[in-house]
Amino acid sequence: MILRDGCTHGVVEQMQTQAELYATIGLHAYEALDRRSFRQSFQPACHNARAAGGSPSI
């Protein structure tokens, strides 16, 4: 309908809200996972060495 009519007027009642879409695709859970992965992937090298019990290499 949207492609044919060029507008959403005829389907607005059938459309999801943004909140419903995010719940359907699990966006908030994905964002939390993405934040955790980002923090783990981009720790400075000196931080990683200290966490492993070594000394940072320069």
N, C-alpha and C. Protein backbone atom coordinates (compact mmCIF):
# COMPACT_ATOMS: atom_id res chain seq x y z
N MET A 1 0.80 -1.19 0.00
CA MET A 1 0.00 0.00 0.00
C MET A 1 0.85 1.27 0.00
N ILE A 2 1.89 1.29 0.79
CA ILE A 2 2.71 2.50 0.88
C ILE A 2 3.34 2.79 -0.47
N LEU A 3 3.90 1.76 -1.08
CA LEU A 3 4.54 1.95 -2.38
C LEU A 3 3.50 2.38 -3.42
N ARG A 4 2.36 1.72 -3.41
CA ARG A 4 1.32 2.03 -4.38
C ARG A 4 0.75 3.44 -4.17
N ASP A 5 0.42 3.76 -2.91
CA ASP A 5 -0.24 5.03 -2.61
C ASP A 5 0.72 6.19 -2.40
N GLY A 6 1.96 5.87 -2.08
CA GLY A 6 2.95 6.91 -1.86
C GLY A 6 2.86 7.57 -0.49
N CYS A 7 2.05 7.00 0.42
CA CYS A 7 1.94 7.56 1.76
C CYS A 7 1.51 6.45 2.74
N THR A 8 1.55 6.74 4.01
CA THR A 8 1.22 5.76 5.04
C THR A 8 -0.18 5.90 5.60
N HIS A 9 -0.96 6.84 5.10
CA HIS A 9 -2.28 7.12 5.68
C HIS A 9 -3.14 5.87 5.83
N GLY A 10 -3.12 4.96 4.89
CA GLY A 10 -3.98 3.79 4.93
C GLY A 10 -3.50 2.68 5.82
N VAL A 11 -2.29 2.78 6.35
CA VAL A 11 -1.73 1.67 7.13
C VAL A 11 -1.23 2.07 8.51
N VAL A 12 -1.42 3.31 8.90
CA VAL A 12 -0.91 3.79 10.19
C VAL A 12 -1.39 2.92 11.35
N GLU A 13 -2.65 2.52 11.32
CA GLU A 13 -3.19 1.69 12.42
C GLU A 13 -2.52 0.33 12.49
N GLN A 14 -1.97 -0.14 11.40
CA GLN A 14 -1.32 -1.46 11.36
C GLN A 14 0.17 -1.39 11.71
N MET A 15 0.71 -0.20 11.74
CA MET A 15 2.15 -0.04 11.97
C MET A 15 2.49 -0.13 13.46
N GLN A 16 3.72 -0.56 13.74
CA GLN A 16 4.21 -0.63 15.11
C GLN A 16 4.71 0.74 15.55
N THR A 17 4.67 0.95 16.85
CA THR A 17 5.35 2.12 17.39
C THR A 17 6.83 1.81 17.44
N GLN A 18 7.64 2.82 17.65
CA GLN A 18 9.08 2.61 17.77
C GLN A 18 9.37 1.69 18.96
N ALA A 19 8.69 1.89 20.07
CA ALA A 19 8.90 1.05 21.26
C ALA A 19 8.55 -0.40 20.97
N GLU A 20 7.45 -0.62 20.25
CA GLU A 20 7.06 -2.00 19.91
C GLU A 20 8.08 -2.65 18.98
N LEU A 21 8.59 -1.89 18.02
CA LEU A 21 9.61 -2.42 17.12
C LEU A 21 10.87 -2.80 17.89
N TYR A 22 11.33 -1.92 18.76
CA TYR A 22 12.54 -2.20 19.54
C TYR A 22 12.35 -3.43 20.42
N ALA A 23 11.17 -3.60 21.00
CA ALA A 23 10.89 -4.78 21.82
C ALA A 23 10.89 -6.03 20.95
N THR A 24 10.32 -5.94 19.77
CA THR A 24 10.25 -7.09 18.86
C THR A 24 11.63 -7.57 18.45
N ILE A 25 12.51 -6.64 18.12
CA ILE A 25 13.85 -7.03 17.65
C ILE A 25 14.87 -7.14 18.78
N GLY A 26 14.47 -6.85 20.01
CA GLY A 26 15.38 -6.95 21.15
C GLY A 26 16.50 -5.94 21.11
N LEU A 27 16.21 -4.74 20.66
CA LEU A 27 17.24 -3.72 20.48
C LEU A 27 17.98 -3.39 21.77
N HIS A 28 17.27 -3.24 22.87
CA HIS A 28 17.93 -2.83 24.12
C HIS A 28 18.90 -3.90 24.61
N ALA A 29 18.56 -5.16 24.46
CA ALA A 29 19.48 -6.24 24.84
C ALA A 29 20.70 -6.23 23.93
N TYR A 30 20.50 -5.98 22.65
CA TYR A 30 21.63 -5.91 21.71
C TYR A 30 22.53 -4.73 22.05
N GLU A 31 21.94 -3.59 22.36
CA GLU A 31 22.75 -2.42 22.70
C GLU A 31 23.59 -2.67 23.95
N ALA A 32 23.03 -3.36 24.94
CA ALA A 32 23.78 -3.68 26.15
C ALA A 32 24.95 -4.61 25.82
N LEU A 33 24.70 -5.61 24.99
CA LEU A 33 25.76 -6.53 24.57
C LEU A 33 26.83 -5.77 23.79
N ASP A 34 26.41 -4.89 22.92
CA ASP A 34 27.35 -4.10 22.12
C ASP A 34 28.23 -3.23 23.01
N ARG A 35 27.63 -2.60 24.03
CA ARG A 35 28.42 -1.77 24.95
C ARG A 35 29.46 -2.60 25.70
N ARG A 36 29.05 -3.78 26.17
CA ARG A 36 30.00 -4.65 26.88
C ARG A 36 31.13 -5.08 25.95
N SER A 37 30.81 -5.46 24.73
CA SER A 37 31.82 -5.89 23.77
C SER A 37 32.77 -4.76 23.43
N PHE A 38 32.23 -3.55 23.27
CA PHE A 38 33.05 -2.40 22.93
C PHE A 38 34.03 -2.11 24.06
N ARG A 39 33.54 -2.12 25.30
CA ARG A 39 34.42 -1.83 26.45
C ARG A 39 35.53 -2.87 26.55
N GLN A 40 35.23 -4.13 26.29
CA GLN A 40 36.24 -5.18 26.38
C GLN A 40 37.23 -5.11 25.24
N SER A 41 36.78 -4.73 24.05
CA SER A 41 37.64 -4.71 22.87
C SER A 41 38.59 -3.54 22.83
N PHE A 42 38.24 -2.44 23.47
CA PHE A 42 39.03 -1.23 23.32
C PHE A 42 39.65 -0.76 24.62
N GLN A 43 40.08 -1.69 25.45
CA GLN A 43 40.82 -1.33 26.64
C GLN A 43 42.25 -1.01 26.23
N PRO A 44 42.86 0.01 26.81
CA PRO A 44 44.26 0.33 26.48
C PRO A 44 45.17 -0.85 26.79
N ALA A 45 46.24 -1.00 26.04
CA ALA A 45 47.17 -2.11 26.21
C ALA A 45 47.74 -2.17 27.62
N CYS A 46 48.04 -1.02 28.22
CA CYS A 46 48.60 -1.02 29.56
C CYS A 46 47.57 -1.53 30.57
N HIS A 47 46.31 -1.26 30.34
CA HIS A 47 45.25 -1.76 31.22
C HIS A 47 45.18 -3.28 31.12
N ASN A 48 45.25 -3.81 29.90
CA ASN A 48 45.17 -5.26 29.70
C ASN A 48 46.36 -5.97 30.35
N ALA A 49 47.55 -5.39 30.26
CA ALA A 49 48.73 -6.00 30.85
C ALA A 49 48.63 -6.03 32.38
N ARG A 50 48.14 -4.96 32.96
CA ARG A 50 47.99 -4.92 34.41
C ARG A 50 46.93 -5.92 34.87
N ALA A 51 45.85 -6.04 34.13
CA ALA A 51 44.79 -6.97 34.49
C ALA A 51 45.30 -8.41 34.45
N ALA A 52 46.28 -8.67 33.56
CA ALA A 52 46.83 -10.02 33.44
C ALA A 52 47.96 -10.25 34.43
N GLY A 53 48.29 -9.26 35.23
CA GLY A 53 49.34 -9.42 36.23
C GLY A 53 50.72 -9.04 35.76
N GLY A 54 50.83 -8.50 34.57
CA GLY A 54 52.12 -8.08 34.05
C GLY A 54 52.32 -6.60 34.17
N SER A 55 53.36 -6.13 33.56
CA SER A 55 53.59 -4.68 33.54
C SER A 55 53.36 -4.18 32.13
N PRO A 56 52.93 -2.96 32.01
CA PRO A 56 52.66 -2.43 30.66
C PRO A 56 53.92 -2.32 29.85
N SER A 57 53.80 -2.60 28.56
CA SER A 57 54.97 -2.47 27.69
C SER A 57 54.88 -1.11 27.01
N ILE A 58 56.02 -0.48 26.89
CA ILE A 58 56.07 0.87 26.27
C ILE A 58 56.88 0.79 25.02
